C-alpha atoms as a PDB file:
ATOM      1  CA  MET A   1     210.981-115.684  -7.725  1.00  0.00           C
ATOM      2  CA  LYS A   2     213.087-118.304  -8.070  1.00  0.00           C
ATOM      3  CA  LEU A   3     212.759-121.557  -5.502  1.00  0.00           C
ATOM      4  CA  GLU A   4     217.005-121.557  -5.407  1.00  0.00           C
ATOM      5  CA  THR A   5     217.321-118.401  -4.388  1.00  0.00           C
ATOM      6  CA  LEU A   6     214.031-118.472  -2.112  1.00  0.00           C
ATOM      7  CA  THR A   7     214.471-117.525   1.991  1.00  0.00           C
ATOM      8  CA  SER A   8     211.935-117.212   4.568  1.00  0.00           C
ATOM      9  CA  ALA A   9     211.218-114.007   4.280  1.00  0.00           C
ATOM     10  CA  PRO A  10     208.150-113.763   1.858  1.00  0.00           C
ATOM     11  CA  PHE A  11     206.633-115.985   3.636  1.00  0.00           C
ATOM     12  CA  THR A  12     207.435-114.786   7.424  1.00  0.00           C
ATOM     13  CA  ALA A  13     206.166-111.414   5.851  1.00  0.00           C
ATOM     14  CA  ARG A  14     202.531-113.556   5.052  1.00  0.00           C
ATOM     15  CA  ILE A  15     202.012-115.045   8.263  1.00  0.00           C
ATOM     16  CA  GLY A  16     198.381-114.979   9.019  1.00  0.00           C
ATOM     17  CA  ALA A  17     197.896-113.822   5.073  1.00  0.00           C
ATOM     18  CA  HIS A  18     196.891-116.314   2.631  1.00  0.00           C
ATOM     19  CA  VAL A  19     198.403-117.429  -0.377  1.00  0.00           C
ATOM     20  CA  THR A  20     196.660-119.305  -3.541  1.00  0.00           C
ATOM     21  CA  VAL A  21     197.362-123.066  -4.411  1.00  0.00           C
ATOM     22  CA  GLU A  22     196.644-123.573  -8.364  1.00  0.00           C
ATOM     23  CA  ALA A  23     195.765-126.852  -8.854  1.00  0.00           C
ATOM     24  CA  ALA A  24     194.906-128.653 -12.294  1.00  0.00           C
ATOM     25  CA  GLU A  25     190.892-128.140 -10.633  1.00  0.00           C
ATOM     26  CA  ALA A  26     190.227-125.466  -8.885  1.00  0.00           C
ATOM     27  CA  GLU A  27     192.399-122.880  -6.826  1.00  0.00           C
ATOM     28  CA  LEU A  28     192.312-123.372  -2.917  1.00  0.00           C
ATOM     29  CA  THR A  29     193.481-120.666  -0.697  1.00  0.00           C
ATOM     30  CA  LEU A  30     195.301-121.263   2.322  1.00  0.00           C
ATOM     31  CA  GLU A  31     196.391-119.376   5.344  1.00  0.00           C
ATOM     32  CA  VAL A  32     200.711-119.425   6.386  1.00  0.00           C
ATOM     33  CA  ILE A  33     200.207-120.339  10.598  1.00  0.00           C
ATOM     34  CA  GLY A  34     204.004-120.891  10.658  1.00  0.00           C
ATOM     35  CA  VAL A  35     207.411-120.523   8.942  1.00  0.00           C
ATOM     36  CA  LYS A  36     210.357-122.054  10.324  1.00  0.00           C
ATOM     37  CA  GLU A  37     214.125-122.073   9.391  1.00  0.00           C
ATOM     38  CA  ASN A  38     216.335-125.186   9.744  1.00  0.00           C
ATOM     39  CA  PRO A  39     219.605-124.146   9.573  1.00  0.00           C
ATOM     40  CA  LEU A  40     221.032-127.394  10.460  1.00  0.00           C
ATOM     41  CA  ALA A  41     219.655-129.140   7.347  1.00  0.00           C
ATOM     42  CA  ALA A  42     222.173-126.614   5.109  1.00  0.00           C
ATOM     43  CA  GLY A  43     224.575-127.967   3.458  1.00  0.00           C
ATOM     44  CA  PRO A  44     228.355-126.898   3.306  1.00  0.00           C
ATOM     45  CA  ASN A  45     227.998-124.632   0.334  1.00  0.00           C
ATOM     46  CA  ALA A  46     224.534-123.489   0.740  1.00  0.00           C
ATOM     47  CA  GLN A  47     223.284-120.654  -0.792  1.00  0.00           C
ATOM     48  CA  ARG A  48     220.377-120.018   1.795  1.00  0.00           C
ATOM     49  CA  THR A  49     218.704-121.582   4.662  1.00  0.00           C
ATOM     50  CA  PRO A  50     216.282-124.267   4.494  1.00  0.00           C
ATOM     51  CA  PHE A  51     213.086-124.042   5.720  1.00  0.00           C
ATOM     52  CA  ASN A  52     209.425-125.122   5.787  1.00  0.00           C
ATOM     53  CA  VAL A  53     205.688-123.413   5.807  1.00  0.00           C
ATOM     54  CA  THR A  54     202.448-124.297   7.610  1.00  0.00           C
ATOM     55  CA  LEU A  55     199.452-123.760   5.791  1.00  0.00           C
ATOM     56  CA  ARG A  56     195.804-123.962   6.737  1.00  0.00           C
ATOM     57  CA  GLY A  57     192.934-124.387   4.360  1.00  0.00           C
ATOM     58  CA  PRO A  58     189.605-125.921   4.741  1.00  0.00           C
ATOM     59  CA  ASP A  59     188.806-129.673   5.446  1.00  0.00           C
ATOM     60  CA  SER A  60     186.861-129.542   2.320  1.00  0.00           C
ATOM     61  CA  PRO A  61     187.960-129.390  -0.513  1.00  0.00           C
ATOM     62  CA  SER A  62     191.333-130.546   0.174  1.00  0.00           C
ATOM     63  CA  LEU A  63     194.124-131.153  -2.018  1.00  0.00           C
ATOM     64  CA  ALA A  64     196.262-134.406  -2.359  1.00  0.00           C
ATOM     65  CA  ASP A  65     199.929-134.081  -1.719  1.00  0.00           C
ATOM     66  CA  GLY A  66     201.700-133.241  -4.719  1.00  0.00           C
ATOM     67  CA  CYS A  67     203.386-130.421  -6.400  1.00  0.00           C
ATOM     68  CA  TYR A  68     201.443-127.044  -7.315  1.00  0.00           C
ATOM     69  CA  HIS A  69     201.921-123.195  -7.773  1.00  0.00           C
ATOM     70  CA  LEU A  70     201.892-121.486  -5.066  1.00  0.00           C
ATOM     71  CA  ARG A  71     201.073-117.318  -5.591  1.00  0.00           C
ATOM     72  CA  THR A  72     199.956-114.138  -3.943  1.00  0.00           C
ATOM     73  CA  ASP A  73     198.131-111.258  -5.582  1.00  0.00           C
ATOM     74  CA  GLY A  74     198.809-107.668  -5.303  1.00  0.00           C
ATOM     75  CA  THR A  75     201.238-105.261  -5.821  1.00  0.00           C
ATOM     76  CA  ASP A  76     203.449-107.276  -3.950  1.00  0.00           C
ATOM     77  CA  GLY A  77     202.525-110.429  -5.353  1.00  0.00           C
ATOM     78  CA  TRP A  78     204.739-113.410  -6.849  1.00  0.00           C
ATOM     79  CA  ARG A  79     204.528-116.921  -8.150  1.00  0.00           C
ATOM     80  CA  LEU A  80     206.242-120.078  -7.513  1.00  0.00           C
ATOM     81  CA  GLU A  81     206.347-123.043  -9.896  1.00  0.00           C
ATOM     82  CA  SER A  82     205.818-126.571  -8.587  1.00  0.00           C
ATOM     83  CA  CYS A  83     206.072-127.115  -5.262  1.00  0.00           C
ATOM     84  CA  TYR A  84     205.667-130.215  -3.249  1.00  0.00           C
ATOM     85  CA  LEU A  85     202.304-129.698  -0.786  1.00  0.00           C
ATOM     86  CA  ASN A  86     201.900-132.457   1.381  1.00  0.00           C
ATOM     87  CA  ARG A  87     198.735-132.736   3.805  1.00  0.00           C
ATOM     88  CA  ILE A  88     200.123-133.121   7.955  1.00  0.00           C
ATOM     89  CA  ILE A  89     198.317-133.134  11.097  1.00  0.00           C
ATOM     90  CA  PRO A  90     197.473-130.320  12.846  1.00  0.00           C
ATOM     91  CA  PRO A  91     200.421-128.698  14.946  1.00  0.00           C
ATOM     92  CA  ALA A  92     200.309-129.063  18.342  1.00  0.00           C
ATOM     93  CA  SER A  93     199.801-125.112  18.637  1.00  0.00           C
ATOM     94  CA  SER A  94     196.666-125.130  16.413  1.00  0.00           C
ATOM     95  CA  ASP A  95     193.284-125.208  17.555  1.00  0.00           C
ATOM     96  CA  GLY A  96     193.115-128.218  15.350  1.00  0.00           C
ATOM     97  CA  THR A  97     190.082-127.035  12.663  1.00  0.00           C
ATOM     98  CA  GLY A  98     190.484-127.506   8.770  1.00  0.00           C
ATOM     99  CA  ALA A  99     192.711-128.933   7.189  1.00  0.00           C
ATOM    100  CA  PHE A 100     196.923-128.051   7.372  1.00  0.00           C
ATOM    101  CA  TYR A 101     200.037-128.715   4.873  1.00  0.00           C
ATOM    102  CA  GLN A 102     203.671-128.161   4.260  1.00  0.00           C
ATOM    103  CA  VAL A 103     205.831-127.256   1.793  1.00  0.00           C
ATOM    104  CA  ILE A 104     209.507-127.803   2.738  1.00  0.00           C
ATOM    105  CA  PHE A 105     212.352-125.865   0.617  1.00  0.00           C
ATOM    106  CA  GLY A 106     215.518-127.689   1.290  1.00  0.00           C
END
């Protein structure tokens, strides 16, 4: 899967399911809890709609902001390299438990 042509569809299909974050020290499984498209952020020659993905994981271990590889397993599995993941405050719609992260695909 290539970042240049990536749409929100693979993540939208996984809401409630999990992705694996490959970090240097270990792997961490995070739940996809939301996907939001942002068409106003698209440039005039954009080939896709920018979007962001909200993920939830355990309080510990947690991930520092940085670039990670994201992966799903199974027959429809895929892998994305060098995605910038940052920790965010819990969304208002959540129960606030766990650590929350966001990946923006601009």
